[in-house]
């Protein structure tokens, strides 16, 4: 089971925020964010949880572990993934999954790398490729 601290840390890393930056946005010290993430402080004030949720554009109940992604959102994601796999193959889904699991800086690096690779291995539309 994912803890409140783990959810905060995961969201912070995905958004490429330092503990200090998240603390600044929420109005607490870096040390408080560190304690939340480690689980040494578990009675986080609800107004702080709401501010953290707003920073990451998730619900406070998600931060608290009461909710998973909403069913409709999850259903749409599953349909998109199935469509990508149908049209582009499992490798495209793997690329998307990798892309979604990295920080903003990691996403930028993946895109830069993919541009470089596409220049090197560009397929002419008039050439038959197997």
N, C-alpha and C. Protein backbone atom coordinates (compact mmCIF):
# COMPACT_ATOMS: atom_id res chain seq x y z
N UNK A 1 0.84 -1.18 0.00
CA UNK A 1 0.00 0.00 0.00
C UNK A 1 0.89 1.25 0.00
N UNK A 2 0.52 2.20 -0.79
CA UNK A 2 1.27 3.44 -0.89
C UNK A 2 0.89 4.36 0.26
N UNK A 3 1.90 4.88 0.94
CA UNK A 3 1.64 5.78 2.05
C UNK A 3 1.46 7.21 1.56
N UNK A 4 0.94 8.05 2.44
CA UNK A 4 0.76 9.46 2.15
C UNK A 4 2.11 10.07 1.76
N UNK A 5 3.15 9.79 2.51
CA UNK A 5 4.47 10.33 2.22
C UNK A 5 5.01 9.88 0.88
N UNK A 6 4.77 8.62 0.55
CA UNK A 6 5.22 8.08 -0.73
C UNK A 6 4.50 8.76 -1.89
N UNK A 7 3.21 9.00 -1.72
CA UNK A 7 2.44 9.69 -2.77
C UNK A 7 2.97 11.10 -2.98
N UNK A 8 3.22 11.81 -1.89
CA UNK A 8 3.74 13.18 -2.01
C UNK A 8 5.10 13.16 -2.71
N UNK A 9 5.97 12.26 -2.28
CA UNK A 9 7.31 12.20 -2.87
C UNK A 9 7.24 11.86 -4.36
N UNK A 10 6.41 10.87 -4.70
CA UNK A 10 6.29 10.46 -6.10
C UNK A 10 5.80 11.63 -6.96
N UNK A 11 4.77 12.32 -6.49
CA UNK A 11 4.24 13.46 -7.24
C UNK A 11 5.29 14.57 -7.35
N UNK A 12 6.03 14.80 -6.28
CA UNK A 12 7.06 15.84 -6.29
C UNK A 12 8.15 15.52 -7.30
N UNK A 13 8.56 14.27 -7.34
CA UNK A 13 9.61 13.85 -8.27
C UNK A 13 9.11 13.93 -9.71
N UNK A 14 7.90 13.48 -9.95
CA UNK A 14 7.33 13.55 -11.30
C UNK A 14 7.27 14.99 -11.78
N UNK A 15 6.93 15.92 -10.89
CA UNK A 15 6.84 17.33 -11.26
C UNK A 15 8.20 18.02 -11.22
N UNK A 16 9.23 17.26 -10.86
CA UNK A 16 10.61 17.78 -10.83
C UNK A 16 10.75 18.96 -9.87
N UNK A 17 10.14 18.83 -8.70
CA UNK A 17 10.23 19.85 -7.67
C UNK A 17 11.15 19.38 -6.55
N UNK A 18 11.92 20.30 -6.00
CA UNK A 18 12.70 19.99 -4.80
C UNK A 18 11.77 20.06 -3.60
N UNK A 19 12.23 19.51 -2.48
CA UNK A 19 11.44 19.63 -1.26
C UNK A 19 11.30 21.10 -0.87
N UNK A 20 12.35 21.86 -1.10
CA UNK A 20 12.31 23.28 -0.79
C UNK A 20 11.27 24.01 -1.63
N UNK A 21 11.23 23.71 -2.94
CA UNK A 21 10.27 24.36 -3.83
C UNK A 21 8.84 23.98 -3.46
N UNK A 22 8.60 22.70 -3.18
CA UNK A 22 7.26 22.29 -2.79
C UNK A 22 6.87 22.98 -1.49
N UNK A 23 7.79 23.03 -0.54
CA UNK A 23 7.51 23.72 0.72
C UNK A 23 7.16 25.18 0.50
N UNK A 24 7.90 25.85 -0.39
CA UNK A 24 7.62 27.26 -0.69
C UNK A 24 6.22 27.42 -1.26
N UNK A 25 5.84 26.53 -2.18
CA UNK A 25 4.51 26.62 -2.80
C UNK A 25 3.39 26.34 -1.81
N UNK A 26 3.68 25.48 -0.84
CA UNK A 26 2.66 25.08 0.13
C UNK A 26 2.66 26.00 1.35
N UNK A 27 3.80 26.66 1.61
CA UNK A 27 3.89 27.55 2.77
C UNK A 27 4.44 26.88 4.01
N UNK A 28 5.30 25.86 3.81
CA UNK A 28 5.96 25.18 4.93
C UNK A 28 7.45 25.09 4.64
N UNK A 29 8.21 24.74 5.64
CA UNK A 29 9.65 24.58 5.48
C UNK A 29 9.99 23.29 4.74
N UNK A 30 11.18 23.26 4.14
CA UNK A 30 11.67 22.04 3.46
C UNK A 30 11.67 20.87 4.43
N UNK A 31 12.05 21.11 5.67
CA UNK A 31 12.11 20.05 6.67
C UNK A 31 10.74 19.41 6.89
N UNK A 32 9.69 20.21 6.79
CA UNK A 32 8.33 19.66 6.96
C UNK A 32 8.01 18.71 5.82
N UNK A 33 8.34 19.11 4.58
CA UNK A 33 8.10 18.24 3.43
C UNK A 33 8.89 16.94 3.60
N UNK A 34 10.14 17.05 4.04
CA UNK A 34 10.96 15.87 4.26
C UNK A 34 10.31 14.95 5.29
N UNK A 35 9.79 15.50 6.37
CA UNK A 35 9.14 14.70 7.41
C UNK A 35 7.85 14.07 6.89
N UNK A 36 7.10 14.80 6.06
CA UNK A 36 5.88 14.22 5.47
C UNK A 36 6.24 13.02 4.61
N UNK A 37 7.26 13.19 3.77
CA UNK A 37 7.65 12.12 2.86
C UNK A 37 8.19 10.90 3.60
N UNK A 38 8.93 11.12 4.66
CA UNK A 38 9.49 10.00 5.44
C UNK A 38 8.45 9.34 6.34
N UNK A 39 7.35 10.03 6.58
CA UNK A 39 6.31 9.48 7.44
C UNK A 39 6.52 9.77 8.90
N UNK A 40 7.48 10.64 9.24
CA UNK A 40 7.70 10.97 10.65
C UNK A 40 6.63 11.92 11.17
N UNK A 41 5.98 12.65 10.27
CA UNK A 41 4.83 13.46 10.63
C UNK A 41 3.65 12.93 9.83
N UNK A 42 2.63 12.47 10.53
CA UNK A 42 1.47 11.91 9.84
C UNK A 42 0.21 12.75 10.04
N UNK A 43 0.23 13.63 11.03
CA UNK A 43 -0.95 14.47 11.28
C UNK A 43 -0.80 15.81 10.57
N UNK A 44 -0.72 15.73 9.25
CA UNK A 44 -0.56 16.94 8.43
C UNK A 44 -1.88 17.70 8.45
N UNK A 45 -1.83 19.00 8.72
CA UNK A 45 -3.07 19.78 8.71
C UNK A 45 -3.79 19.67 7.36
N UNK A 46 -5.10 19.62 7.40
CA UNK A 46 -5.90 19.44 6.19
C UNK A 46 -5.66 20.57 5.20
N UNK A 47 -5.46 21.80 5.69
CA UNK A 47 -5.22 22.91 4.77
C UNK A 47 -3.89 22.73 4.03
N UNK A 48 -2.93 22.08 4.66
CA UNK A 48 -1.65 21.80 4.01
C UNK A 48 -1.83 20.69 2.98
N UNK A 49 -2.61 19.69 3.31
CA UNK A 49 -2.89 18.61 2.36
C UNK A 49 -3.60 19.18 1.13
N UNK A 50 -4.54 20.09 1.36
CA UNK A 50 -5.25 20.71 0.24
C UNK A 50 -4.29 21.51 -0.64
N UNK A 51 -3.34 22.22 -0.03
CA UNK A 51 -2.37 22.99 -0.80
C UNK A 51 -1.46 22.07 -1.61
N UNK A 52 -1.04 20.97 -1.00
CA UNK A 52 -0.20 20.00 -1.72
C UNK A 52 -0.98 19.43 -2.90
N UNK A 53 -2.22 19.06 -2.67
CA UNK A 53 -3.06 18.52 -3.75
C UNK A 53 -3.21 19.53 -4.88
N UNK A 54 -3.37 20.80 -4.54
CA UNK A 54 -3.51 21.84 -5.57
C UNK A 54 -2.23 21.98 -6.40
N UNK A 55 -1.09 21.88 -5.75
CA UNK A 55 0.18 21.98 -6.49
C UNK A 55 0.26 20.90 -7.56
N UNK A 56 -0.20 19.70 -7.22
CA UNK A 56 -0.08 18.57 -8.14
C UNK A 56 -1.35 18.31 -8.95
N UNK A 57 -2.37 19.13 -8.75
CA UNK A 57 -3.63 18.99 -9.47
C UNK A 57 -4.26 17.61 -9.27
N UNK A 58 -4.27 17.18 -8.01
CA UNK A 58 -4.95 15.94 -7.62
C UNK A 58 -5.89 16.27 -6.47
N UNK A 59 -6.73 15.33 -6.11
CA UNK A 59 -7.64 15.57 -5.00
C UNK A 59 -6.93 15.32 -3.67
N UNK A 60 -7.34 16.02 -2.60
CA UNK A 60 -6.78 15.73 -1.28
C UNK A 60 -6.99 14.26 -0.89
N UNK A 61 -8.12 13.68 -1.32
CA UNK A 61 -8.37 12.28 -0.98
C UNK A 61 -7.38 11.35 -1.67
N UNK A 62 -6.86 11.75 -2.83
CA UNK A 62 -5.81 10.95 -3.48
C UNK A 62 -4.52 11.02 -2.64
N UNK A 63 -4.16 12.22 -2.20
CA UNK A 63 -2.97 12.38 -1.35
C UNK A 63 -3.09 11.51 -0.10
N UNK A 64 -4.26 11.49 0.48
CA UNK A 64 -4.48 10.73 1.71
C UNK A 64 -4.60 9.22 1.48
N UNK A 65 -4.69 8.81 0.22
CA UNK A 65 -4.79 7.39 -0.08
C UNK A 65 -6.20 6.85 -0.05
N UNK A 66 -7.17 7.74 0.00
CA UNK A 66 -8.56 7.31 0.03
C UNK A 66 -9.10 7.05 -1.35
N UNK A 67 -8.51 7.67 -2.37
CA UNK A 67 -8.98 7.52 -3.74
C UNK A 67 -7.84 7.11 -4.65
N UNK A 68 -8.16 6.33 -5.62
CA UNK A 68 -7.27 6.06 -6.74
C UNK A 68 -7.76 6.97 -7.86
N UNK A 69 -7.10 6.95 -9.01
CA UNK A 69 -7.63 7.77 -10.11
C UNK A 69 -9.10 7.45 -10.35
N UNK A 70 -9.87 8.46 -10.68
CA UNK A 70 -11.30 8.29 -10.90
C UNK A 70 -11.56 7.27 -12.00
N UNK A 71 -12.62 6.49 -11.84
CA UNK A 71 -12.95 5.44 -12.79
C UNK A 71 -13.03 5.90 -14.22
N UNK A 72 -13.70 7.05 -14.46
CA UNK A 72 -13.82 7.56 -15.82
C UNK A 72 -12.47 7.91 -16.40
N UNK A 73 -11.62 8.56 -15.57
CA UNK A 73 -10.28 8.93 -16.04
C UNK A 73 -9.48 7.68 -16.37
N UNK A 74 -9.58 6.67 -15.52
CA UNK A 74 -8.85 5.43 -15.73
C UNK A 74 -9.37 4.73 -16.98
N UNK A 75 -10.68 4.71 -17.19
CA UNK A 75 -11.25 4.06 -18.37
C UNK A 75 -10.77 4.73 -19.65
N UNK A 76 -10.70 6.06 -19.63
CA UNK A 76 -10.22 6.79 -20.80
C UNK A 76 -8.75 6.45 -21.05
N UNK A 77 -7.95 6.40 -19.98
CA UNK A 77 -6.53 6.06 -20.13
C UNK A 77 -6.36 4.66 -20.72
N UNK A 78 -7.15 3.72 -20.26
CA UNK A 78 -7.07 2.35 -20.77
C UNK A 78 -7.42 2.32 -22.26
N UNK A 79 -8.47 3.04 -22.65
CA UNK A 79 -8.86 3.09 -24.07
C UNK A 79 -7.74 3.70 -24.92
N UNK A 80 -7.13 4.74 -24.42
CA UNK A 80 -6.03 5.37 -25.16
C UNK A 80 -4.87 4.41 -25.31
N UNK A 81 -4.51 3.73 -24.24
CA UNK A 81 -3.40 2.78 -24.29
C UNK A 81 -3.70 1.65 -25.26
N UNK A 82 -4.92 1.13 -25.21
CA UNK A 82 -5.29 0.06 -26.14
C UNK A 82 -5.24 0.54 -27.59
N UNK A 83 -5.66 1.79 -27.83
CA UNK A 83 -5.60 2.35 -29.17
C UNK A 83 -4.17 2.51 -29.65
N UNK A 84 -3.31 3.01 -28.78
CA UNK A 84 -1.90 3.15 -29.14
C UNK A 84 -1.31 1.79 -29.47
N UNK A 85 -1.61 0.80 -28.63
CA UNK A 85 -1.06 -0.53 -28.88
C UNK A 85 -1.59 -1.10 -30.19
N UNK A 86 -2.87 -0.90 -30.47
CA UNK A 86 -3.46 -1.42 -31.70
C UNK A 86 -2.79 -0.82 -32.94
N UNK A 87 -2.59 0.49 -32.93
CA UNK A 87 -2.06 1.16 -34.11
C UNK A 87 -0.54 1.18 -34.20
N UNK A 88 0.15 1.20 -33.05
CA UNK A 88 1.59 1.39 -33.07
C UNK A 88 2.38 0.26 -32.42
N UNK A 89 1.70 -0.66 -31.73
CA UNK A 89 2.39 -1.80 -31.14
C UNK A 89 2.74 -1.60 -29.67
N UNK A 90 3.15 -2.70 -29.07
CA UNK A 90 3.49 -2.73 -27.64
C UNK A 90 4.66 -1.81 -27.33
N UNK A 91 5.60 -1.69 -28.25
CA UNK A 91 6.77 -0.84 -28.02
C UNK A 91 6.36 0.61 -27.79
N UNK A 92 5.35 1.08 -28.50
CA UNK A 92 4.87 2.45 -28.31
C UNK A 92 4.27 2.63 -26.92
N UNK A 93 3.56 1.61 -26.44
CA UNK A 93 3.00 1.65 -25.09
C UNK A 93 4.14 1.67 -24.07
N UNK A 94 5.17 0.87 -24.30
CA UNK A 94 6.33 0.85 -23.40
C UNK A 94 6.98 2.24 -23.33
N UNK A 95 7.11 2.87 -24.49
CA UNK A 95 7.68 4.23 -24.52
C UNK A 95 6.83 5.21 -23.72
N UNK A 96 5.52 5.14 -23.89
CA UNK A 96 4.63 6.03 -23.14
C UNK A 96 4.73 5.78 -21.64
N UNK A 97 4.77 4.51 -21.25
CA UNK A 97 4.88 4.18 -19.83
C UNK A 97 6.19 4.72 -19.25
N UNK A 98 7.28 4.57 -19.99
CA UNK A 98 8.55 5.10 -19.53
C UNK A 98 8.50 6.62 -19.43
N UNK A 99 7.91 7.25 -20.42
CA UNK A 99 7.79 8.71 -20.43
C UNK A 99 7.00 9.20 -19.22
N UNK A 100 5.92 8.52 -18.87
CA UNK A 100 5.07 8.95 -17.77
C UNK A 100 5.69 8.74 -16.40
N UNK A 101 6.74 7.94 -16.32
CA UNK A 101 7.34 7.62 -15.02
C UNK A 101 8.55 8.46 -14.67
N UNK A 102 8.89 9.44 -15.49
CA UNK A 102 10.09 10.22 -15.23
C UNK A 102 9.75 11.67 -14.92
N UNK A 103 10.73 12.39 -14.43
CA UNK A 103 10.56 13.80 -14.10
C UNK A 103 10.41 14.64 -15.36
N UNK A 104 10.12 15.90 -15.18
CA UNK A 104 10.02 16.81 -16.33
C UNK A 104 11.34 16.85 -17.09
N UNK A 105 12.44 16.85 -16.36
CA UNK A 105 13.75 16.85 -17.01
C UNK A 105 13.95 15.55 -17.79
N UNK A 106 13.52 14.44 -17.22
CA UNK A 106 13.61 13.16 -17.92
C UNK A 106 12.78 13.14 -19.18
N UNK A 107 11.59 13.73 -19.11
CA UNK A 107 10.72 13.82 -20.30
C UNK A 107 11.40 14.63 -21.39
N UNK A 108 12.01 15.73 -20.98
CA UNK A 108 12.72 16.58 -21.94
C UNK A 108 13.84 15.79 -22.61
N UNK A 109 14.58 15.00 -21.82
CA UNK A 109 15.69 14.22 -22.37
C UNK A 109 15.19 13.13 -23.31
N UNK A 110 14.07 12.49 -22.96
CA UNK A 110 13.49 11.46 -23.84
C UNK A 110 13.11 12.08 -25.18
N UNK A 111 12.47 13.25 -25.14
CA UNK A 111 12.07 13.91 -26.39
C UNK A 111 13.29 14.31 -27.22
N UNK A 112 14.30 14.87 -26.57
CA UNK A 112 15.51 15.24 -27.31
C UNK A 112 16.14 14.02 -27.97
N UNK A 113 16.22 12.93 -27.22
CA UNK A 113 16.80 11.70 -27.76
C UNK A 113 15.97 11.17 -28.93
N UNK A 114 14.65 11.20 -28.78
CA UNK A 114 13.80 10.68 -29.85
C UNK A 114 13.93 11.53 -31.12
N UNK A 115 14.09 12.84 -30.97
CA UNK A 115 14.31 13.69 -32.14
C UNK A 115 15.61 13.31 -32.84
N UNK A 116 16.66 13.11 -32.05
CA UNK A 116 17.95 12.73 -32.63
C UNK A 116 17.86 11.39 -33.36
N UNK A 117 17.21 10.42 -32.75
CA UNK A 117 17.07 9.10 -33.36
C UNK A 117 16.23 9.19 -34.63
N UNK A 118 15.17 9.98 -34.59
CA UNK A 118 14.32 10.08 -35.78
C UNK A 118 15.06 10.72 -36.95
N UNK A 119 15.99 11.62 -36.67
CA UNK A 119 16.80 12.21 -37.75
C UNK A 119 17.73 11.17 -38.36
N UNK A 120 18.30 10.32 -37.50
CA UNK A 120 19.24 9.30 -37.98
C UNK A 120 18.55 8.17 -38.74
N UNK A 121 17.36 7.81 -38.28
CA UNK A 121 16.69 6.63 -38.83
C UNK A 121 15.35 6.97 -39.47
N UNK A 122 15.24 8.15 -40.02
CA UNK A 122 14.00 8.60 -40.65
C UNK A 122 13.64 7.69 -41.82
N UNK A 123 12.37 7.34 -41.88
CA UNK A 123 11.87 6.48 -42.95
C UNK A 123 11.17 7.33 -43.99
N UNK A 124 11.60 7.20 -45.23
CA UNK A 124 10.96 7.91 -46.33
C UNK A 124 9.60 7.26 -46.56
N UNK A 125 8.55 8.05 -46.67
CA UNK A 125 7.20 7.53 -46.84
C UNK A 125 7.06 6.69 -48.11
N UNK A 126 7.92 6.90 -49.09
CA UNK A 126 7.83 6.18 -50.35
C UNK A 126 8.61 4.87 -50.35
N UNK A 127 9.29 4.59 -49.23
CA UNK A 127 10.12 3.37 -49.16
C UNK A 127 9.36 2.34 -48.34
N UNK A 128 9.34 1.09 -48.83
CA UNK A 128 8.71 -0.02 -48.11
C UNK A 128 9.65 -0.49 -46.99
N UNK A 129 9.16 -0.51 -45.75
CA UNK A 129 9.99 -0.91 -44.62
C UNK A 129 9.36 -2.10 -43.92
N UNK A 130 10.19 -3.06 -43.57
CA UNK A 130 9.71 -4.23 -42.82
C UNK A 130 10.33 -4.27 -41.45
